[in-house]
Amino acid sequence: MAFDGTWKIDRNENYEKFMEAMGIGMMKRKLGAHDNLKITIQQDGNKFIVKEASNFRNIEIEFTLGVNFEYSLADGTELSGAWTLEGNKLVGTFTRKDNGKVLKACREIVGDELVQTYIYEGVESKRFFKR
């Protein structure tokens, strides 16, 4: 599948503003902007295994398209939601457990990059990954 492979962070766009909107403190924002994130994605039909490895944590997430699951961000923010496939984009809608606000996420392949877009409280950020 198109998403399969190991992707390493190349650059960010508006990521610190996004983290600020999420309520992440300045020190964690500075560290998060340089997390050296590597994502490994394996897809088998509607099932995905995503491994995230960074300076801060290593985690493995398994999910099925359209099925809600629980997830914690690196800063400890707890979310509940699901990923769906819309055309060739993985689209995630997650609700924060602490305040009920919605985080939207999208993963898509653009050229030779995996582009991950986040939208929270009107602030949009993009993270670009290369194989």
N, C-alpha and C. Protein backbone atom coordinates (compact mmCIF):
# COMPACT_ATOMS: atom_id res chain seq x y z
N MET A 1 0.84 -1.19 0.00
CA MET A 1 0.00 0.00 0.00
C MET A 1 0.88 1.25 0.00
N ALA A 2 0.32 2.34 -0.41
CA ALA A 2 1.09 3.58 -0.60
C ALA A 2 1.73 4.09 0.69
N PHE A 3 1.07 3.89 1.82
CA PHE A 3 1.58 4.43 3.08
C PHE A 3 2.68 3.56 3.69
N ASP A 4 2.76 2.30 3.25
CA ASP A 4 3.72 1.37 3.83
C ASP A 4 5.14 1.90 3.72
N GLY A 5 5.90 1.69 4.79
CA GLY A 5 7.30 2.06 4.78
C GLY A 5 7.68 2.81 6.03
N THR A 6 8.95 3.21 6.06
CA THR A 6 9.48 3.98 7.18
C THR A 6 9.71 5.40 6.71
N TRP A 7 9.16 6.33 7.45
CA TRP A 7 9.19 7.75 7.10
C TRP A 7 9.89 8.54 8.20
N LYS A 8 10.85 9.36 7.82
CA LYS A 8 11.59 10.18 8.80
C LYS A 8 11.24 11.65 8.59
N ILE A 9 11.02 12.35 9.70
CA ILE A 9 10.66 13.77 9.63
C ILE A 9 11.74 14.54 8.85
N ASP A 10 11.28 15.39 7.95
CA ASP A 10 12.18 16.23 7.16
C ASP A 10 12.06 17.69 7.57
N ARG A 11 10.80 18.15 7.71
CA ARG A 11 10.59 19.55 8.08
C ARG A 11 9.15 19.73 8.60
N ASN A 12 8.95 20.85 9.28
CA ASN A 12 7.66 21.21 9.85
C ASN A 12 7.22 22.56 9.30
N GLU A 13 5.92 22.77 9.29
CA GLU A 13 5.34 24.06 8.89
C GLU A 13 4.30 24.44 9.94
N ASN A 14 4.55 25.52 10.67
CA ASN A 14 3.62 26.03 11.67
C ASN A 14 3.39 25.07 12.84
N TYR A 15 4.34 24.19 13.08
CA TYR A 15 4.16 23.16 14.11
C TYR A 15 4.18 23.73 15.52
N GLU A 16 5.05 24.71 15.78
CA GLU A 16 5.09 25.29 17.13
C GLU A 16 3.78 26.02 17.46
N LYS A 17 3.19 26.73 16.49
CA LYS A 17 1.91 27.40 16.71
C LYS A 17 0.81 26.38 17.01
N PHE A 18 0.84 25.26 16.29
CA PHE A 18 -0.12 24.20 16.52
C PHE A 18 0.01 23.66 17.95
N MET A 19 1.26 23.38 18.36
CA MET A 19 1.47 22.85 19.71
C MET A 19 1.03 23.87 20.76
N GLU A 20 1.26 25.15 20.48
CA GLU A 20 0.81 26.20 21.41
C GLU A 20 -0.71 26.19 21.53
N ALA A 21 -1.41 26.05 20.40
CA ALA A 21 -2.88 25.98 20.42
C ALA A 21 -3.35 24.76 21.23
N MET A 22 -2.58 23.68 21.17
CA MET A 22 -2.92 22.46 21.92
C MET A 22 -2.67 22.62 23.42
N GLY A 23 -2.01 23.72 23.80
CA GLY A 23 -1.75 23.96 25.22
C GLY A 23 -0.43 23.38 25.71
N ILE A 24 0.46 23.08 24.79
CA ILE A 24 1.76 22.52 25.16
C ILE A 24 2.70 23.65 25.54
N GLY A 25 3.38 23.53 26.67
CA GLY A 25 4.27 24.57 27.18
C GLY A 25 5.46 24.83 26.26
N MET A 26 6.11 25.98 26.47
CA MET A 26 7.18 26.42 25.58
C MET A 26 8.34 25.43 25.49
N MET A 27 8.79 24.89 26.61
CA MET A 27 9.92 23.96 26.58
C MET A 27 9.58 22.71 25.78
N LYS A 28 8.41 22.15 26.00
CA LYS A 28 8.00 20.96 25.25
C LYS A 28 7.81 21.28 23.77
N ARG A 29 7.34 22.50 23.47
CA ARG A 29 7.20 22.90 22.05
C ARG A 29 8.56 22.95 21.38
N LYS A 30 9.54 23.53 22.05
CA LYS A 30 10.90 23.63 21.48
C LYS A 30 11.47 22.23 21.24
N LEU A 31 11.31 21.36 22.22
CA LEU A 31 11.79 19.99 22.06
C LEU A 31 11.01 19.24 20.99
N GLY A 32 9.70 19.42 20.98
CA GLY A 32 8.84 18.72 20.02
C GLY A 32 9.13 19.09 18.58
N ALA A 33 9.58 20.32 18.36
CA ALA A 33 9.87 20.76 17.00
C ALA A 33 11.12 20.08 16.45
N HIS A 34 11.89 19.44 17.33
CA HIS A 34 13.13 18.76 16.93
C HIS A 34 13.14 17.33 17.48
N ASP A 35 12.03 16.62 17.29
CA ASP A 35 11.87 15.30 17.91
C ASP A 35 12.48 14.15 17.13
N ASN A 36 12.97 14.40 15.90
CA ASN A 36 13.54 13.34 15.04
C ASN A 36 12.57 12.17 14.86
N LEU A 37 11.30 12.47 14.69
CA LEU A 37 10.26 11.45 14.59
C LEU A 37 10.45 10.57 13.36
N LYS A 38 10.31 9.28 13.59
CA LYS A 38 10.33 8.30 12.51
C LYS A 38 9.04 7.48 12.65
N ILE A 39 8.31 7.36 11.55
CA ILE A 39 7.04 6.62 11.55
C ILE A 39 7.17 5.43 10.61
N THR A 40 6.80 4.25 11.09
CA THR A 40 6.76 3.06 10.23
C THR A 40 5.30 2.65 10.12
N ILE A 41 4.81 2.56 8.90
CA ILE A 41 3.40 2.23 8.65
C ILE A 41 3.32 0.90 7.91
N GLN A 42 2.47 0.01 8.43
CA GLN A 42 2.17 -1.25 7.75
C GLN A 42 0.65 -1.33 7.61
N GLN A 43 0.20 -1.56 6.38
CA GLN A 43 -1.23 -1.67 6.13
C GLN A 43 -1.55 -3.05 5.62
N ASP A 44 -2.60 -3.64 6.17
CA ASP A 44 -3.12 -4.92 5.71
C ASP A 44 -4.63 -4.76 5.58
N GLY A 45 -5.08 -4.40 4.37
CA GLY A 45 -6.50 -4.13 4.17
C GLY A 45 -6.91 -2.91 4.97
N ASN A 46 -7.89 -3.06 5.88
CA ASN A 46 -8.37 -1.96 6.71
C ASN A 46 -7.62 -1.83 8.03
N LYS A 47 -6.64 -2.70 8.25
CA LYS A 47 -5.88 -2.67 9.50
C LYS A 47 -4.52 -2.02 9.28
N PHE A 48 -4.15 -1.19 10.25
CA PHE A 48 -2.87 -0.49 10.21
C PHE A 48 -2.10 -0.73 11.49
N ILE A 49 -0.79 -0.83 11.35
CA ILE A 49 0.12 -0.80 12.50
C ILE A 49 1.06 0.37 12.23
N VAL A 50 1.09 1.30 13.17
CA VAL A 50 1.94 2.49 13.05
C VAL A 50 2.89 2.50 14.24
N LYS A 51 4.18 2.52 13.93
CA LYS A 51 5.20 2.60 14.98
C LYS A 51 5.79 4.00 14.92
N GLU A 52 5.80 4.67 16.05
CA GLU A 52 6.38 6.01 16.14
C GLU A 52 7.60 5.92 17.05
N ALA A 53 8.73 6.42 16.55
CA ALA A 53 9.96 6.44 17.34
C ALA A 53 10.51 7.86 17.29
N SER A 54 10.75 8.44 18.48
CA SER A 54 11.27 9.80 18.54
C SER A 54 12.25 9.90 19.71
N ASN A 55 12.75 11.10 19.92
CA ASN A 55 13.64 11.34 21.06
C ASN A 55 12.92 11.12 22.39
N PHE A 56 11.57 11.15 22.38
CA PHE A 56 10.80 11.15 23.62
C PHE A 56 10.13 9.82 23.94
N ARG A 57 9.77 9.08 22.90
CA ARG A 57 9.08 7.82 23.17
C ARG A 57 9.05 6.95 21.93
N ASN A 58 8.81 5.67 22.19
CA ASN A 58 8.57 4.70 21.12
C ASN A 58 7.22 4.07 21.43
N ILE A 59 6.35 4.04 20.43
CA ILE A 59 5.00 3.54 20.66
C ILE A 59 4.52 2.82 19.41
N GLU A 60 3.69 1.81 19.61
CA GLU A 60 3.07 1.11 18.49
C GLU A 60 1.56 1.23 18.62
N ILE A 61 0.92 1.65 17.54
CA ILE A 61 -0.52 1.85 17.52
C ILE A 61 -1.13 0.93 16.48
N GLU A 62 -2.13 0.18 16.87
CA GLU A 62 -2.87 -0.64 15.90
C GLU A 62 -4.28 -0.11 15.82
N PHE A 63 -4.77 0.06 14.59
CA PHE A 63 -6.15 0.50 14.43
C PHE A 63 -6.74 -0.07 13.16
N THR A 64 -8.06 -0.09 13.13
CA THR A 64 -8.83 -0.50 11.97
C THR A 64 -9.60 0.71 11.49
N LEU A 65 -9.60 0.93 10.19
CA LEU A 65 -10.31 2.09 9.62
C LEU A 65 -11.75 2.13 10.12
N GLY A 66 -12.19 3.31 10.56
CA GLY A 66 -13.57 3.51 10.98
C GLY A 66 -13.89 3.04 12.39
N VAL A 67 -12.92 2.49 13.11
CA VAL A 67 -13.15 1.97 14.46
C VAL A 67 -12.46 2.88 15.47
N ASN A 68 -13.24 3.38 16.44
CA ASN A 68 -12.67 4.26 17.47
C ASN A 68 -11.62 3.52 18.30
N PHE A 69 -10.59 4.29 18.70
CA PHE A 69 -9.57 3.77 19.59
C PHE A 69 -9.04 4.91 20.44
N GLU A 70 -8.32 4.55 21.49
CA GLU A 70 -7.74 5.53 22.42
C GLU A 70 -6.28 5.75 22.04
N TYR A 71 -5.80 6.98 22.23
CA TYR A 71 -4.43 7.31 21.87
C TYR A 71 -3.95 8.45 22.76
N SER A 72 -2.69 8.42 23.15
CA SER A 72 -2.10 9.51 23.93
C SER A 72 -0.99 10.15 23.11
N LEU A 73 -1.01 11.48 23.06
CA LEU A 73 0.06 12.22 22.39
C LEU A 73 1.32 12.17 23.25
N ALA A 74 2.45 12.59 22.68
CA ALA A 74 3.72 12.55 23.41
C ALA A 74 3.68 13.38 24.69
N ASP A 75 2.84 14.44 24.72
CA ASP A 75 2.77 15.28 25.92
C ASP A 75 1.79 14.74 26.96
N GLY A 76 1.16 13.59 26.66
CA GLY A 76 0.23 12.98 27.60
C GLY A 76 -1.24 13.28 27.33
N THR A 77 -1.54 14.15 26.35
CA THR A 77 -2.92 14.46 26.00
C THR A 77 -3.61 13.19 25.50
N GLU A 78 -4.75 12.86 26.11
CA GLU A 78 -5.47 11.65 25.73
C GLU A 78 -6.58 11.98 24.74
N LEU A 79 -6.67 11.13 23.71
CA LEU A 79 -7.64 11.33 22.62
C LEU A 79 -8.42 10.04 22.38
N SER A 80 -9.58 10.22 21.77
CA SER A 80 -10.38 9.10 21.31
C SER A 80 -10.89 9.45 19.93
N GLY A 81 -10.79 8.51 19.00
CA GLY A 81 -11.27 8.79 17.65
C GLY A 81 -10.93 7.68 16.69
N ALA A 82 -11.00 8.00 15.40
CA ALA A 82 -10.79 6.98 14.38
C ALA A 82 -10.18 7.60 13.13
N TRP A 83 -9.51 6.74 12.37
CA TRP A 83 -9.00 7.09 11.05
C TRP A 83 -9.96 6.50 10.00
N THR A 84 -10.16 7.21 8.91
CA THR A 84 -10.90 6.71 7.77
C THR A 84 -10.06 6.94 6.52
N LEU A 85 -10.42 6.29 5.45
CA LEU A 85 -9.74 6.48 4.18
C LEU A 85 -10.69 7.26 3.27
N GLU A 86 -10.26 8.44 2.85
CA GLU A 86 -11.05 9.27 1.94
C GLU A 86 -10.23 9.46 0.68
N GLY A 87 -10.57 8.69 -0.35
CA GLY A 87 -9.75 8.69 -1.55
C GLY A 87 -8.40 8.09 -1.21
N ASN A 88 -7.33 8.85 -1.41
CA ASN A 88 -6.00 8.35 -1.08
C ASN A 88 -5.44 9.02 0.18
N LYS A 89 -6.33 9.57 1.01
CA LYS A 89 -5.92 10.24 2.24
C LYS A 89 -6.43 9.48 3.46
N LEU A 90 -5.56 9.36 4.46
CA LEU A 90 -5.99 8.86 5.76
C LEU A 90 -6.45 10.08 6.55
N VAL A 91 -7.69 10.09 6.99
CA VAL A 91 -8.25 11.23 7.70
C VAL A 91 -8.66 10.78 9.10
N GLY A 92 -8.13 11.48 10.09
CA GLY A 92 -8.43 11.15 11.48
C GLY A 92 -9.19 12.26 12.16
N THR A 93 -10.18 11.88 12.95
CA THR A 93 -10.93 12.83 13.77
C THR A 93 -10.86 12.31 15.20
N PHE A 94 -10.25 13.14 16.07
CA PHE A 94 -10.00 12.73 17.45
C PHE A 94 -10.53 13.79 18.41
N THR A 95 -11.13 13.34 19.49
CA THR A 95 -11.67 14.23 20.52
C THR A 95 -10.79 14.13 21.75
N ARG A 96 -10.37 15.29 22.24
CA ARG A 96 -9.58 15.32 23.47
C ARG A 96 -10.46 14.92 24.65
N LYS A 97 -9.92 14.09 25.53
CA LYS A 97 -10.68 13.66 26.70
C LYS A 97 -10.77 14.75 27.76
N ASP A 98 -9.77 15.66 27.80
CA ASP A 98 -9.75 16.66 28.86
C ASP A 98 -10.68 17.84 28.60
N ASN A 99 -10.91 18.20 27.33
CA ASN A 99 -11.74 19.38 27.07
C ASN A 99 -12.78 19.19 25.97
N GLY A 100 -12.85 18.01 25.35
CA GLY A 100 -13.86 17.73 24.34
C GLY A 100 -13.63 18.39 22.99
N LYS A 101 -12.49 19.07 22.82
CA LYS A 101 -12.20 19.73 21.55
C LYS A 101 -11.67 18.72 20.54
N VAL A 102 -11.88 19.03 19.25
CA VAL A 102 -11.56 18.09 18.18
C VAL A 102 -10.23 18.42 17.51
N LEU A 103 -9.43 17.38 17.32
CA LEU A 103 -8.19 17.45 16.56
C LEU A 103 -8.41 16.68 15.26
N LYS A 104 -8.17 17.34 14.14
CA LYS A 104 -8.28 16.69 12.82
C LYS A 104 -6.86 16.40 12.35
N ALA A 105 -6.68 15.26 11.72
CA ALA A 105 -5.38 14.88 11.17
C ALA A 105 -5.59 14.27 9.80
N CYS A 106 -4.60 14.46 8.94
CA CYS A 106 -4.67 13.89 7.60
C CYS A 106 -3.27 13.44 7.21
N ARG A 107 -3.18 12.25 6.66
CA ARG A 107 -1.92 11.75 6.11
C ARG A 107 -2.14 11.46 4.64
N GLU A 108 -1.24 11.99 3.81
CA GLU A 108 -1.33 11.72 2.38
C GLU A 108 0.06 11.70 1.76
N ILE A 109 0.19 10.96 0.68
CA ILE A 109 1.44 10.91 -0.05
C ILE A 109 1.38 11.99 -1.13
N VAL A 110 2.36 12.90 -1.09
CA VAL A 110 2.46 13.96 -2.08
C VAL A 110 3.86 13.86 -2.69
N GLY A 111 3.92 13.45 -3.94
CA GLY A 111 5.22 13.20 -4.56
C GLY A 111 5.90 12.06 -3.83
N ASP A 112 7.10 12.31 -3.31
CA ASP A 112 7.84 11.28 -2.57
C ASP A 112 7.79 11.51 -1.07
N GLU A 113 6.83 12.32 -0.61
CA GLU A 113 6.73 12.65 0.81
C GLU A 113 5.41 12.19 1.41
N LEU A 114 5.47 11.89 2.70
CA LEU A 114 4.26 11.69 3.50
C LEU A 114 4.00 13.03 4.17
N VAL A 115 2.85 13.62 3.89
CA VAL A 115 2.50 14.91 4.48
C VAL A 115 1.42 14.66 5.53
N GLN A 116 1.71 15.08 6.76
CA GLN A 116 0.79 14.91 7.87
C GLN A 116 0.30 16.31 8.26
N THR A 117 -1.00 16.54 8.12
CA THR A 117 -1.60 17.83 8.43
C THR A 117 -2.44 17.70 9.69
N TYR A 118 -2.31 18.68 10.57
CA TYR A 118 -3.10 18.74 11.80
C TYR A 118 -3.89 20.04 11.80
N ILE A 119 -5.12 19.98 12.28
CA ILE A 119 -5.92 21.20 12.48
C ILE A 119 -6.54 21.12 13.87
N TYR A 120 -6.28 22.16 14.68
CA TYR A 120 -6.84 22.23 16.02
C TYR A 120 -7.16 23.68 16.33
N GLU A 121 -8.42 23.94 16.67
CA GLU A 121 -8.85 25.29 17.03
C GLU A 121 -8.47 26.32 15.95
N GLY A 122 -8.61 25.93 14.68
CA GLY A 122 -8.33 26.84 13.58
C GLY A 122 -6.87 26.99 13.20
N VAL A 123 -5.97 26.32 13.92
CA VAL A 123 -4.54 26.39 13.62
C VAL A 123 -4.15 25.14 12.83
N GLU A 124 -3.57 25.36 11.64
CA GLU A 124 -3.15 24.25 10.79
C GLU A 124 -1.64 24.13 10.79
N SER A 125 -1.16 22.90 10.85
CA SER A 125 0.26 22.62 10.81
C SER A 125 0.50 21.45 9.88
N LYS A 126 1.70 21.42 9.28
CA LYS A 126 2.06 20.29 8.43
C LYS A 126 3.43 19.78 8.84
N ARG A 127 3.57 18.46 8.78
CA ARG A 127 4.86 17.81 8.99
C ARG A 127 5.15 16.98 7.75
N PHE A 128 6.36 17.11 7.25
CA PHE A 128 6.75 16.45 6.01
C PHE A 128 7.78 15.35 6.31
N PHE A 129 7.52 14.15 5.80
CA PHE A 129 8.38 12.99 6.04
C PHE A 129 8.90 12.45 4.71
N LYS A 130 10.12 11.92 4.74
CA LYS A 130 10.71 11.26 3.57
C LYS A 130 11.04 9.83 3.94
N ARG A 131 10.99 8.95 2.93
CA ARG A 131 11.32 7.53 3.16
C ARG A 131 12.79 7.38 3.45
